[in-house]
C-alpha atoms as a PDB file:
ATOM      1  CA  MET A   1      20.536  -9.068  22.521  1.00  0.00           C
ATOM      2  CA  ASN A   2      20.000  -5.133  22.184  1.00  0.00           C
ATOM      3  CA  GLN A   3      16.813  -3.470  20.711  1.00  0.00           C
ATOM      4  CA  LYS A   4      18.142  -3.638  17.239  1.00  0.00           C
ATOM      5  CA  GLU A   5      19.553  -7.333  17.206  1.00  0.00           C
ATOM      6  CA  ARG A   6      16.062  -8.531  18.531  1.00  0.00           C
ATOM      7  CA  ALA A   7      14.153  -6.686  15.856  1.00  0.00           C
ATOM      8  CA  ILE A   8      16.595  -8.096  13.170  1.00  0.00           C
ATOM      9  CA  TYR A   9      16.032 -11.598  14.680  1.00  0.00           C
ATOM     10  CA  TYR A  10      12.194 -11.088  14.735  1.00  0.00           C
ATOM     11  CA  TYR A  11      12.356  -9.877  11.240  1.00  0.00           C
ATOM     12  CA  LEU A  12      14.585 -12.684   9.646  1.00  0.00           C
ATOM     13  CA  ASN A  13      12.224 -15.244  11.509  1.00  0.00           C
ATOM     14  CA  ALA A  14       9.042 -13.557  10.050  1.00  0.00           C
ATOM     15  CA  LYS A  15      10.245 -13.249   6.454  1.00  0.00           C
ATOM     16  CA  LYS A  16      10.982 -16.999   6.475  1.00  0.00           C
ATOM     17  CA  ASN A  17       7.754 -17.901   7.843  1.00  0.00           C
ATOM     18  CA  VAL A  18       6.030 -15.570   5.437  1.00  0.00           C
ATOM     19  CA  VAL A  19       7.789 -17.087   2.452  1.00  0.00           C
ATOM     20  CA  ASP A  20       7.334 -20.868   3.743  1.00  0.00           C
ATOM     21  CA  CYS A  21       3.427 -19.932   3.590  1.00  0.00           C
ATOM     22  CA  GLY A  22       3.353 -19.258   0.019  1.00  0.00           C
ATOM     23  CA  PHE A  23       3.911 -15.310  -0.163  1.00  0.00           C
ATOM     24  CA  HIS A  24       7.253 -15.196  -1.667  1.00  0.00           C
ATOM     25  CA  SER A  25       5.543 -13.658  -4.835  1.00  0.00           C
ATOM     26  CA  GLU A  26       4.024 -10.694  -2.645  1.00  0.00           C
ATOM     27  CA  VAL A  27       7.603  -9.968  -1.482  1.00  0.00           C
ATOM     28  CA  ALA A  28       9.161 -10.081  -4.899  1.00  0.00           C
ATOM     29  CA  TRP A  29       6.486  -7.881  -6.222  1.00  0.00           C
ATOM     30  CA  GLN A  30       7.285  -5.047  -3.608  1.00  0.00           C
ATOM     31  CA  GLU A  31      10.966  -5.657  -4.273  1.00  0.00           C
ATOM     32  CA  ALA A  32      10.519  -4.947  -7.927  1.00  0.00           C
ATOM     33  CA  GLN A  33       8.171  -2.009  -7.583  1.00  0.00           C
ATOM     34  CA  THR A  34       9.918   1.405  -9.072  1.00  0.00           C
ATOM     35  CA  THR A  35       8.285   4.711  -9.519  1.00  0.00           C
ATOM     36  CA  ASP A  36      10.494   4.771 -12.975  1.00  0.00           C
ATOM     37  CA  GLU A  37       8.335   1.945 -14.172  1.00  0.00           C
ATOM     38  CA  ILE A  38       5.099   2.907 -12.917  1.00  0.00           C
ATOM     39  CA  SER A  39       2.302   3.210 -15.709  1.00  0.00           C
ATOM     40  CA  GLN A  40      -0.716   5.466 -15.323  1.00  0.00           C
ATOM     41  CA  LYS A  41      -2.838   2.069 -15.131  1.00  0.00           C
ATOM     42  CA  GLU A  42      -0.777   0.800 -12.079  1.00  0.00           C
ATOM     43  CA  PHE A  43      -1.087   4.280 -10.631  1.00  0.00           C
ATOM     44  CA  LEU A  44      -4.807   4.104 -10.839  1.00  0.00           C
ATOM     45  CA  ALA A  45      -5.075   0.439  -9.385  1.00  0.00           C
ATOM     46  CA  GLU A  46      -2.883   0.939  -6.633  1.00  0.00           C
ATOM     47  CA  TYR A  47      -4.921   4.347  -5.493  1.00  0.00           C
ATOM     48  CA  ALA A  48      -8.206   2.509  -6.009  1.00  0.00           C
ATOM     49  CA  TRP A  49      -6.755  -0.203  -3.719  1.00  0.00           C
ATOM     50  CA  VAL A  50      -5.292   1.975  -0.887  1.00  0.00           C
ATOM     51  CA  VAL A  51      -8.654   4.047  -0.691  1.00  0.00           C
ATOM     52  CA  LEU A  52     -10.844   0.894  -0.820  1.00  0.00           C
ATOM     53  CA  SER A  53      -8.557  -0.570   1.742  1.00  0.00           C
ATOM     54  CA  SER A  54      -8.554   2.337   4.394  1.00  0.00           C
ATOM     55  CA  GLY A  55     -10.087   1.181   7.597  1.00  0.00           C
ATOM     56  CA  MET A  56     -10.577  -2.345   6.093  1.00  0.00           C
ATOM     57  CA  ARG A  57      -9.582  -5.508   6.098  1.00  0.00           C
ATOM     58  CA  GLU A  58      -7.423  -6.756   3.259  1.00  0.00           C
ATOM     59  CA  THR A  59      -9.731 -10.064   2.442  1.00  0.00           C
ATOM     60  CA  VAL A  60     -12.718  -7.963   2.227  1.00  0.00           C
ATOM     61  CA  ILE A  61     -11.143  -5.616  -0.567  1.00  0.00           C
ATOM     62  CA  ARG A  62      -9.695  -8.634  -2.371  1.00  0.00           C
ATOM     63  CA  ASN A  63     -12.925 -10.139  -2.644  1.00  0.00           C
ATOM     64  CA  LYS A  64     -14.449  -7.022  -4.262  1.00  0.00           C
ATOM     65  CA  PHE A  65     -11.319  -5.775  -6.269  1.00  0.00           C
ATOM     66  CA  GLY A  66     -11.568  -8.179  -9.090  1.00  0.00           C
ATOM     67  CA  GLU A  67     -15.107  -7.264  -9.991  1.00  0.00           C
ATOM     68  CA  LEU A  68     -14.376  -3.302  -9.485  1.00  0.00           C
ATOM     69  CA  SER A  69     -11.241  -4.066 -11.795  1.00  0.00           C
ATOM     70  CA  GLU A  70     -13.397  -5.584 -14.376  1.00  0.00           C
ATOM     71  CA  LEU A  71     -16.130  -2.521 -14.419  1.00  0.00           C
ATOM     72  CA  PHE A  72     -13.136  -0.073 -14.616  1.00  0.00           C
ATOM     73  CA  ASN A  73     -11.383  -1.769 -17.701  1.00  0.00           C
ATOM     74  CA  HIS A  74      -8.737  -3.189 -15.389  1.00  0.00           C
ATOM     75  CA  TRP A  75      -7.852   0.589 -14.216  1.00  0.00           C
ATOM     76  CA  ASP A  76      -7.222   1.432 -18.185  1.00  0.00           C
ATOM     77  CA  LYS A  77      -9.595   4.509 -18.213  1.00  0.00           C
ATOM     78  CA  SER A  78      -8.044   7.565 -20.117  1.00  0.00           C
ATOM     79  CA  GLU A  79     -11.196   9.688 -20.339  1.00  0.00           C
ATOM     80  CA  MET A  80     -14.756   9.637 -18.845  1.00  0.00           C
ATOM     81  CA  THR A  81     -17.771  11.731 -19.514  1.00  0.00           C
ATOM     82  CA  ASN A  82     -20.415  12.917 -17.060  1.00  0.00           C
ATOM     83  CA  GLY A  83     -22.763  10.131 -18.315  1.00  0.00           C
ATOM     84  CA  ASP A  84     -19.917   7.670 -18.009  1.00  0.00           C
ATOM     85  CA  LYS A  85     -19.338   8.694 -14.358  1.00  0.00           C
ATOM     86  CA  ARG A  86     -23.080   8.335 -13.278  1.00  0.00           C
ATOM     87  CA  THR A  87     -23.322   4.848 -14.857  1.00  0.00           C
ATOM     88  CA  LEU A  88     -19.839   3.790 -13.395  1.00  0.00           C
ATOM     89  CA  ARG A  89     -20.986   5.251  -9.928  1.00  0.00           C
ATOM     90  CA  ARG A  90     -24.325   3.499 -10.033  1.00  0.00           C
ATOM     91  CA  LYS A  91     -22.567  -0.118 -10.840  1.00  0.00           C
ATOM     92  CA  ALA A  92     -19.485   0.466  -8.734  1.00  0.00           C
ATOM     93  CA  LEU A  93     -21.601   0.981  -5.541  1.00  0.00           C
ATOM     94  CA  LYS A  94     -23.543  -2.006  -6.046  1.00  0.00           C
ATOM     95  CA  ILE A  95     -20.115  -3.978  -5.863  1.00  0.00           C
ATOM     96  CA  PHE A  96     -18.621  -1.566  -3.115  1.00  0.00           C
ATOM     97  CA  ASN A  97     -21.304   0.441  -1.111  1.00  0.00           C
ATOM     98  CA  HIS A  98     -19.264   3.425  -0.157  1.00  0.00           C
ATOM     99  CA  ASN A  99     -19.986   6.599  -2.015  1.00  0.00           C
ATOM    100  CA  GLY A 100     -17.047   8.509  -0.608  1.00  0.00           C
ATOM    101  CA  LYS A 101     -14.478   6.059  -1.815  1.00  0.00           C
ATOM    102  CA  ILE A 102     -16.142   5.201  -5.183  1.00  0.00           C
ATOM    103  CA  GLU A 103     -16.377   9.194  -5.861  1.00  0.00           C
ATOM    104  CA  ALA A 104     -12.708   9.606  -4.823  1.00  0.00           C
ATOM    105  CA  ILE A 105     -11.545   6.764  -7.693  1.00  0.00           C
ATOM    106  CA  LEU A 106     -13.769   8.668 -10.200  1.00  0.00           C
ATOM    107  CA  THR A 107     -12.387  11.868  -9.398  1.00  0.00           C
ATOM    108  CA  MET A 108      -8.882  10.413  -9.799  1.00  0.00           C
ATOM    109  CA  ILE A 109      -9.885   9.248 -13.236  1.00  0.00           C
ATOM    110  CA  GLN A 110     -10.839  12.778 -14.101  1.00  0.00           C
ATOM    111  CA  PHE A 111      -7.728  14.171 -12.752  1.00  0.00           C
ATOM    112  CA  LEU A 112      -5.412  11.825 -14.733  1.00  0.00           C
ATOM    113  CA  ALA A 113      -7.447  12.380 -17.863  1.00  0.00           C
ATOM    114  CA  ALA A 114      -6.834  16.024 -17.548  1.00  0.00           C
ATOM    115  CA  THR A 115      -3.102  16.136 -16.475  1.00  0.00           C
ATOM    116  CA  SER A 116      -0.116  14.544 -18.420  1.00  0.00           C
ATOM    117  CA  PHE A 117       0.912  11.376 -16.276  1.00  0.00           C
ATOM    118  CA  SER A 118       4.659  12.382 -16.378  1.00  0.00           C
ATOM    119  CA  VAL A 119       3.929  15.741 -14.585  1.00  0.00           C
ATOM    120  CA  VAL A 120       1.901  13.707 -11.872  1.00  0.00           C
ATOM    121  CA  ILE A 121       5.022  11.429 -11.540  1.00  0.00           C
ATOM    122  CA  ASN A 122       7.642  14.220 -11.172  1.00  0.00           C
ATOM    123  CA  ASP A 123       5.610  16.123  -9.009  1.00  0.00           C
ATOM    124  CA  ILE A 124       5.628  13.414  -6.364  1.00  0.00           C
ATOM    125  CA  GLN A 125       9.458  12.565  -6.955  1.00  0.00           C
ATOM    126  CA  GLN A 126      10.203  16.489  -6.388  1.00  0.00           C
ATOM    127  CA  ASP A 127       7.951  17.245  -3.572  1.00  0.00           C
ATOM    128  CA  GLY A 128       8.041  13.922  -1.703  1.00  0.00           C
ATOM    129  CA  VAL A 129       5.357  11.738  -0.472  1.00  0.00           C
ATOM    130  CA  SER A 130       3.338  14.373   1.466  1.00  0.00           C
ATOM    131  CA  SER A 131       2.379  15.802  -1.952  1.00  0.00           C
ATOM    132  CA  LEU A 132       0.063  12.702  -2.405  1.00  0.00           C
ATOM    133  CA  GLN A 133      -2.107  13.954   0.432  1.00  0.00           C
ATOM    134  CA  LYS A 134      -3.749  16.451  -2.075  1.00  0.00           C
ATOM    135  CA  PHE A 135      -5.680  13.582  -3.419  1.00  0.00           C
ATOM    136  CA  PRO A 136      -9.070  12.116  -1.978  1.00  0.00           C
ATOM    137  CA  TYR A 137      -8.700   9.673   0.835  1.00  0.00           C
ATOM    138  CA  LEU A 138      -5.048  10.115   1.257  1.00  0.00           C
ATOM    139  CA  GLY A 139      -3.733  11.340   4.554  1.00  0.00           C
ATOM    140  CA  PRO A 140      -0.386  10.907   6.402  1.00  0.00           C
ATOM    141  CA  ALA A 141      -0.762   7.241   6.857  1.00  0.00           C
ATOM    142  CA  THR A 142      -2.530   6.138   3.523  1.00  0.00           C
ATOM    143  CA  SER A 143      -0.258   8.326   1.367  1.00  0.00           C
ATOM    144  CA  LEU A 144       2.659   6.242   2.554  1.00  0.00           C
ATOM    145  CA  HIS A 145       0.776   2.958   1.744  1.00  0.00           C
ATOM    146  CA  PHE A 146       0.161   4.468  -1.649  1.00  0.00           C
ATOM    147  CA  ALA A 147       3.778   5.695  -2.166  1.00  0.00           C
ATOM    148  CA  LYS A 148       5.154   2.258  -0.960  1.00  0.00           C
ATOM    149  CA  ASN A 149       2.920   0.557  -3.690  1.00  0.00           C
ATOM    150  CA  LEU A 150       4.252   2.852  -6.035  1.00  0.00           C
ATOM    151  CA  GLY A 151       7.824   1.774  -5.313  1.00  0.00           C
ATOM    152  CA  PHE A 152       9.005   4.637  -3.188  1.00  0.00           C
ATOM    153  CA  ASP A 153      11.144   3.345  -0.273  1.00  0.00           C
ATOM    154  CA  VAL A 154       8.951   3.830   2.657  1.00  0.00           C
ATOM    155  CA  ALA A 155       7.351   2.230   5.382  1.00  0.00           C
ATOM    156  CA  LYS A 156       3.510   2.698   6.330  1.00  0.00           C
ATOM    157  CA  PRO A 157       2.364   3.150   9.940  1.00  0.00           C
ATOM    158  CA  ASP A 158      -0.335   0.444   9.689  1.00  0.00           C
ATOM    159  CA  ARG A 159      -1.546  -0.786  13.290  1.00  0.00           C
ATOM    160  CA  HIS A 160       0.589  -4.047  12.865  1.00  0.00           C
ATOM    161  CA  LEU A 161       3.884  -2.305  11.944  1.00  0.00           C
ATOM    162  CA  VAL A 162       3.021   0.023  14.658  1.00  0.00           C
ATOM    163  CA  ARG A 163       2.203  -2.614  17.290  1.00  0.00           C
ATOM    164  CA  ILE A 164       5.562  -4.254  16.310  1.00  0.00           C
ATOM    165  CA  SER A 165       7.839  -0.995  16.486  1.00  0.00           C
ATOM    166  CA  LYS A 166       6.697  -0.260  19.940  1.00  0.00           C
ATOM    167  CA  ALA A 167       7.173  -3.852  21.029  1.00  0.00           C
ATOM    168  CA  PHE A 168      10.761  -3.309  20.245  1.00  0.00           C
ATOM    169  CA  GLY A 169      10.948   0.075  21.647  1.00  0.00           C
ATOM    170  CA  TYR A 170      10.794   2.039  18.386  1.00  0.00           C
ATOM    171  CA  GLU A 171       8.865   5.583  17.927  1.00  0.00           C
ATOM    172  CA  CYS A 172       7.428   4.632  14.489  1.00  0.00           C
ATOM    173  CA  PRO A 173       7.695   1.685  11.756  1.00  0.00           C
ATOM    174  CA  SER A 174      10.219   3.877   9.648  1.00  0.00           C
ATOM    175  CA  SER A 175      12.710   3.893  12.454  1.00  0.00           C
ATOM    176  CA  LEU A 176      12.234   0.285  12.872  1.00  0.00           C
ATOM    177  CA  CYS A 177      12.389  -0.909   9.238  1.00  0.00           C
ATOM    178  CA  SER A 178      15.584   1.505   8.841  1.00  0.00           C
ATOM    179  CA  ASP A 179      17.430  -0.539  11.303  1.00  0.00           C
ATOM    180  CA  ILE A 180      16.512  -3.790   9.866  1.00  0.00           C
ATOM    181  CA  ALA A 181      17.451  -2.335   6.465  1.00  0.00           C
ATOM    182  CA  GLU A 182      20.837  -1.210   7.477  1.00  0.00           C
ATOM    183  CA  TYR A 183      21.645  -4.915   8.378  1.00  0.00           C
ATOM    184  CA  THR A 184      19.687  -6.612   5.550  1.00  0.00           C
ATOM    185  CA  GLY A 185      20.282  -4.321   2.597  1.00  0.00           C
ATOM    186  CA  GLU A 186      16.701  -4.562   1.803  1.00  0.00           C
ATOM    187  CA  LYS A 187      14.159  -1.959   1.163  1.00  0.00           C
ATOM    188  CA  LYS A 188      12.390  -0.448   3.994  1.00  0.00           C
ATOM    189  CA  SER A 189       9.100  -1.038   1.846  1.00  0.00           C
ATOM    190  CA  VAL A 190       9.968  -4.836   1.564  1.00  0.00           C
ATOM    191  CA  ILE A 191      10.624  -5.088   5.401  1.00  0.00           C
ATOM    192  CA  ASP A 192       7.207  -3.163   5.434  1.00  0.00           C
ATOM    193  CA  ILE A 193       5.306  -6.080   3.596  1.00  0.00           C
ATOM    194  CA  VAL A 194       7.054  -8.891   5.115  1.00  0.00           C
ATOM    195  CA  LEU A 195       6.097  -7.580   8.580  1.00  0.00           C
ATOM    196  CA  TRP A 196       2.538  -6.739   7.548  1.00  0.00           C
ATOM    197  CA  ARG A 197       1.964 -10.109   6.068  1.00  0.00           C
ATOM    198  CA  PHE A 198       3.717 -11.933   9.265  1.00  0.00           C
ATOM    199  CA  ALA A 199       1.118 -10.083  11.221  1.00  0.00           C
ATOM    200  CA  THR A 200      -1.945 -11.279   9.228  1.00  0.00           C
ATOM    201  CA  ILE A 201      -1.028 -14.771   9.225  1.00  0.00           C
ATOM    202  CA  ASN A 202       0.121 -15.130  12.745  1.00  0.00           C
ATOM    203  CA  LYS A 203      -2.616 -13.912  15.074  1.00  0.00           C
ATOM    204  CA  ASN A 204      -0.376 -13.646  17.966  1.00  0.00           C
ATOM    205  CA  TYR A 205       2.480 -12.059  16.193  1.00  0.00           C
ATOM    206  CA  LEU A 206       3.722 -10.394  19.252  1.00  0.00           C
ATOM    207  CA  LYS A 207       3.911 -13.381  21.859  1.00  0.00           C
ATOM    208  CA  PRO A 208       7.217 -13.809  23.400  1.00  0.00           C
ATOM    209  CA  SER A 209       8.145 -16.962  21.495  1.00  0.00           C
ATOM    210  CA  PHE A 210       8.567 -14.701  18.234  1.00  0.00           C
ATOM    211  CA  PHE A 211      11.121 -12.595  19.904  1.00  0.00           C
END
């Protein structure tokens, strides 16, 4: 098999494994994500998730996210006074002790309160994913993670996808996912989440037997 065929074979087996392990709903969620239907509440929730996840394991964030969601009224925050901000910061830091990340979330709440959400989405759709990097804690990689969760058809260069891409001779995850998408007809964002989840549930995801 050539490079592309090996990558497709790997992906199809990975997807079967992910579904068999009970993660079908996660794949279905990514398939259904679209920027046409994203709400301000979902936008803030996904931003918070990506910011908190930066440089940390998913399991750590998942254990904290529910409590933080309750504190932030399940991310339905339309306005915030200075007093509210101080109270929220103090309570949030007791749940997740990282001042920079909590401050980034509070800053986003203030930004969304002062800006029409339709304008925010239109700017992203017109200017592309790179425009997300104006927000705190969103760099080249995390902006792609955020965009994928919002419904943009992109792949993020996290450490697992980078390793898988290199194993098949690709320069980046986007190229790998594009080749697989061409064969399967699936979105790159879906292929991304399948490969990422496969890596999290299979410690030796690069062992020869998977190829």
